[in-house]
Amino acid sequence: AGYGVCHVPSAPGCHRVTCVTWRPRGTRAQRLLGTGGPQLRVPEVAVAGAGDRFRLRTESAGTVLLELGVL
């Protein structure tokens, strides 16, 4: 599980969008025990400007391939 932001195309049709995701880096104990991982206290930080996210300690959570149909 993680957070990611991507743009939805405005042109009609079928689109493939790749969304890079990240998650807050937990403590050593959380990482070793796999306790589900930490969550953001204020989820709006995930879509805030990059300057706000630079203060967070994060790690990659992979990528998500979205297939979108836009009308």
N, C-alpha and C. Protein backbone atom coordinates (compact mmCIF):
# COMPACT_ATOMS: atom_id res chain seq x y z
N ALA A 1 0.84 -1.17 0.00
CA ALA A 1 0.00 0.00 0.00
C ALA A 1 0.88 1.23 0.00
N GLY A 2 0.39 2.27 -0.66
CA GLY A 2 1.17 3.49 -0.72
C GLY A 2 0.34 4.63 -1.27
N TYR A 3 1.00 5.74 -1.56
CA TYR A 3 0.37 6.93 -2.07
C TYR A 3 0.97 7.26 -3.43
N GLY A 4 0.18 7.85 -4.30
CA GLY A 4 0.68 8.27 -5.60
C GLY A 4 -0.23 9.32 -6.19
N VAL A 5 0.32 10.09 -7.09
CA VAL A 5 -0.44 11.14 -7.77
C VAL A 5 -0.12 11.05 -9.25
N CYS A 6 -1.16 11.11 -10.08
CA CYS A 6 -0.94 11.15 -11.53
C CYS A 6 -2.04 12.00 -12.15
N HIS A 7 -1.81 12.42 -13.37
CA HIS A 7 -2.77 13.25 -14.08
C HIS A 7 -3.70 12.39 -14.91
N VAL A 8 -4.98 12.72 -14.88
CA VAL A 8 -5.97 12.04 -15.71
C VAL A 8 -6.03 12.79 -17.04
N PRO A 9 -5.86 12.09 -18.17
CA PRO A 9 -5.90 12.76 -19.47
C PRO A 9 -7.25 13.44 -19.71
N SER A 10 -7.22 14.57 -20.39
CA SER A 10 -8.47 15.28 -20.68
C SER A 10 -9.03 14.92 -22.06
N ALA A 11 -8.24 14.28 -22.89
CA ALA A 11 -8.70 13.88 -24.23
C ALA A 11 -9.52 12.60 -24.12
N PRO A 12 -10.62 12.51 -24.87
CA PRO A 12 -11.43 11.28 -24.83
C PRO A 12 -10.67 10.10 -25.43
N GLY A 13 -11.04 8.90 -24.96
CA GLY A 13 -10.43 7.68 -25.48
C GLY A 13 -9.87 6.82 -24.36
N CYS A 14 -9.20 5.74 -24.77
CA CYS A 14 -8.56 4.83 -23.82
C CYS A 14 -7.13 5.27 -23.60
N HIS A 15 -6.70 5.32 -22.35
CA HIS A 15 -5.36 5.78 -22.01
C HIS A 15 -4.74 4.84 -20.99
N ARG A 16 -3.43 4.68 -21.10
CA ARG A 16 -2.65 3.96 -20.08
C ARG A 16 -1.81 4.99 -19.35
N VAL A 17 -1.95 5.01 -18.04
CA VAL A 17 -1.22 5.97 -17.21
C VAL A 17 -0.45 5.19 -16.16
N THR A 18 0.82 5.51 -16.01
CA THR A 18 1.64 4.87 -14.98
C THR A 18 1.76 5.82 -13.81
N CYS A 19 1.44 5.33 -12.63
CA CYS A 19 1.49 6.13 -11.40
C CYS A 19 2.56 5.55 -10.48
N VAL A 20 3.58 6.35 -10.21
CA VAL A 20 4.65 5.95 -9.29
C VAL A 20 4.15 6.17 -7.87
N THR A 21 4.30 5.17 -7.01
CA THR A 21 3.79 5.27 -5.64
C THR A 21 4.92 5.26 -4.63
N TRP A 22 4.61 5.78 -3.45
CA TRP A 22 5.57 5.85 -2.34
C TRP A 22 4.80 5.67 -1.04
N ARG A 23 5.51 5.41 0.02
CA ARG A 23 4.89 5.28 1.34
C ARG A 23 5.84 5.84 2.38
N PRO A 24 5.29 6.26 3.52
CA PRO A 24 6.17 6.73 4.60
C PRO A 24 7.06 5.58 5.07
N ARG A 25 8.29 5.91 5.36
CA ARG A 25 9.21 4.89 5.86
C ARG A 25 8.97 4.71 7.35
N GLY A 26 8.72 3.50 7.74
CA GLY A 26 8.43 3.20 9.14
C GLY A 26 9.70 3.04 9.97
N THR A 27 9.50 2.74 11.22
CA THR A 27 10.63 2.47 12.11
C THR A 27 11.23 1.12 11.74
N ARG A 28 12.39 0.85 12.27
CA ARG A 28 13.05 -0.43 12.01
C ARG A 28 12.15 -1.59 12.44
N ALA A 29 11.50 -1.46 13.61
CA ALA A 29 10.63 -2.53 14.12
C ALA A 29 9.45 -2.74 13.18
N GLN A 30 8.84 -1.67 12.67
CA GLN A 30 7.71 -1.80 11.75
C GLN A 30 8.14 -2.50 10.46
N ARG A 31 9.34 -2.17 9.97
CA ARG A 31 9.81 -2.80 8.74
C ARG A 31 10.11 -4.28 8.95
N LEU A 32 10.70 -4.64 10.09
CA LEU A 32 11.04 -6.04 10.36
C LEU A 32 9.81 -6.89 10.63
N LEU A 33 8.84 -6.33 11.37
CA LEU A 33 7.65 -7.09 11.73
C LEU A 33 6.57 -7.06 10.66
N GLY A 34 6.68 -6.13 9.73
CA GLY A 34 5.67 -6.04 8.68
C GLY A 34 4.29 -5.75 9.24
N THR A 35 4.18 -4.74 10.10
CA THR A 35 2.92 -4.46 10.79
C THR A 35 1.97 -3.59 9.96
N GLY A 36 2.04 -3.66 8.65
CA GLY A 36 1.14 -2.88 7.82
C GLY A 36 1.70 -1.53 7.42
N GLY A 37 2.73 -1.08 8.08
CA GLY A 37 3.37 0.16 7.72
C GLY A 37 2.67 1.39 8.24
N PRO A 38 3.42 2.47 8.35
CA PRO A 38 2.84 3.72 8.85
C PRO A 38 1.95 4.38 7.80
N GLN A 39 1.05 5.22 8.27
CA GLN A 39 0.18 5.99 7.39
C GLN A 39 0.37 7.46 7.70
N LEU A 40 0.05 8.31 6.74
CA LEU A 40 0.15 9.75 6.95
C LEU A 40 -0.93 10.21 7.91
N ARG A 41 -0.59 11.08 8.82
CA ARG A 41 -1.59 11.66 9.73
C ARG A 41 -2.49 12.62 8.96
N VAL A 42 -1.90 13.32 7.99
CA VAL A 42 -2.65 14.27 7.17
C VAL A 42 -2.50 13.81 5.72
N PRO A 43 -3.47 13.02 5.20
CA PRO A 43 -3.34 12.47 3.85
C PRO A 43 -3.21 13.52 2.75
N GLU A 44 -3.64 14.76 3.01
CA GLU A 44 -3.55 15.80 2.00
C GLU A 44 -2.10 16.10 1.62
N VAL A 45 -1.14 15.72 2.46
CA VAL A 45 0.27 15.92 2.16
C VAL A 45 0.64 15.15 0.90
N ALA A 46 -0.05 14.04 0.62
CA ALA A 46 0.26 13.21 -0.54
C ALA A 46 0.05 13.97 -1.84
N VAL A 47 -0.88 14.92 -1.86
CA VAL A 47 -1.15 15.68 -3.09
C VAL A 47 -0.66 17.12 -2.98
N ALA A 48 -0.01 17.47 -1.88
CA ALA A 48 0.52 18.82 -1.70
C ALA A 48 1.73 19.01 -2.60
N GLY A 49 2.26 20.20 -2.58
CA GLY A 49 3.45 20.49 -3.36
C GLY A 49 4.62 19.62 -2.95
N ALA A 50 5.55 19.46 -3.86
CA ALA A 50 6.72 18.61 -3.59
C ALA A 50 7.51 19.10 -2.39
N GLY A 51 7.50 20.41 -2.12
CA GLY A 51 8.24 20.94 -0.98
C GLY A 51 7.78 20.35 0.34
N ASP A 52 6.48 20.13 0.49
CA ASP A 52 5.96 19.53 1.71
C ASP A 52 6.38 18.07 1.83
N ARG A 53 6.43 17.36 0.70
CA ARG A 53 6.79 15.94 0.75
C ARG A 53 8.27 15.72 1.01
N PHE A 54 9.12 16.69 0.69
CA PHE A 54 10.56 16.51 0.90
C PHE A 54 10.91 16.36 2.38
N ARG A 55 10.04 16.81 3.27
CA ARG A 55 10.31 16.67 4.70
C ARG A 55 10.01 15.27 5.20
N LEU A 56 9.32 14.46 4.43
CA LEU A 56 8.94 13.11 4.85
C LEU A 56 10.06 12.12 4.53
N ARG A 57 10.19 11.11 5.36
CA ARG A 57 11.10 10.00 5.05
C ARG A 57 10.26 8.94 4.36
N THR A 58 10.54 8.71 3.08
CA THR A 58 9.70 7.80 2.29
C THR A 58 10.54 6.73 1.61
N GLU A 59 9.83 5.75 1.08
CA GLU A 59 10.46 4.70 0.28
C GLU A 59 9.52 4.36 -0.87
N SER A 60 10.08 3.80 -1.91
CA SER A 60 9.28 3.44 -3.08
C SER A 60 8.29 2.33 -2.73
N ALA A 61 7.09 2.43 -3.31
CA ALA A 61 6.08 1.38 -3.09
C ALA A 61 5.70 0.75 -4.43
N GLY A 62 6.47 1.02 -5.49
CA GLY A 62 6.21 0.42 -6.79
C GLY A 62 5.42 1.34 -7.70
N THR A 63 4.92 0.77 -8.78
CA THR A 63 4.15 1.52 -9.75
C THR A 63 2.81 0.83 -10.00
N VAL A 64 1.84 1.64 -10.40
CA VAL A 64 0.51 1.13 -10.72
C VAL A 64 0.20 1.53 -12.15
N LEU A 65 -0.20 0.58 -12.97
CA LEU A 65 -0.58 0.85 -14.35
C LEU A 65 -2.10 0.97 -14.39
N LEU A 66 -2.57 2.14 -14.79
CA LEU A 66 -4.01 2.40 -14.87
C LEU A 66 -4.44 2.40 -16.32
N GLU A 67 -5.54 1.75 -16.63
CA GLU A 67 -6.15 1.82 -17.95
C GLU A 67 -7.44 2.59 -17.78
N LEU A 68 -7.48 3.79 -18.34
CA LEU A 68 -8.60 4.70 -18.14
C LEU A 68 -9.38 4.90 -19.43
N GLY A 69 -10.69 4.93 -19.31
CA GLY A 69 -11.57 5.28 -20.42
C GLY A 69 -12.15 6.65 -20.14
N VAL A 70 -11.79 7.64 -20.94
CA VAL A 70 -12.26 9.01 -20.74
C VAL A 70 -13.32 9.33 -21.78
N LEU A 71 -14.45 9.85 -21.31
CA LEU A 71 -15.53 10.23 -22.23
C LEU A 71 -15.45 11.68 -22.58
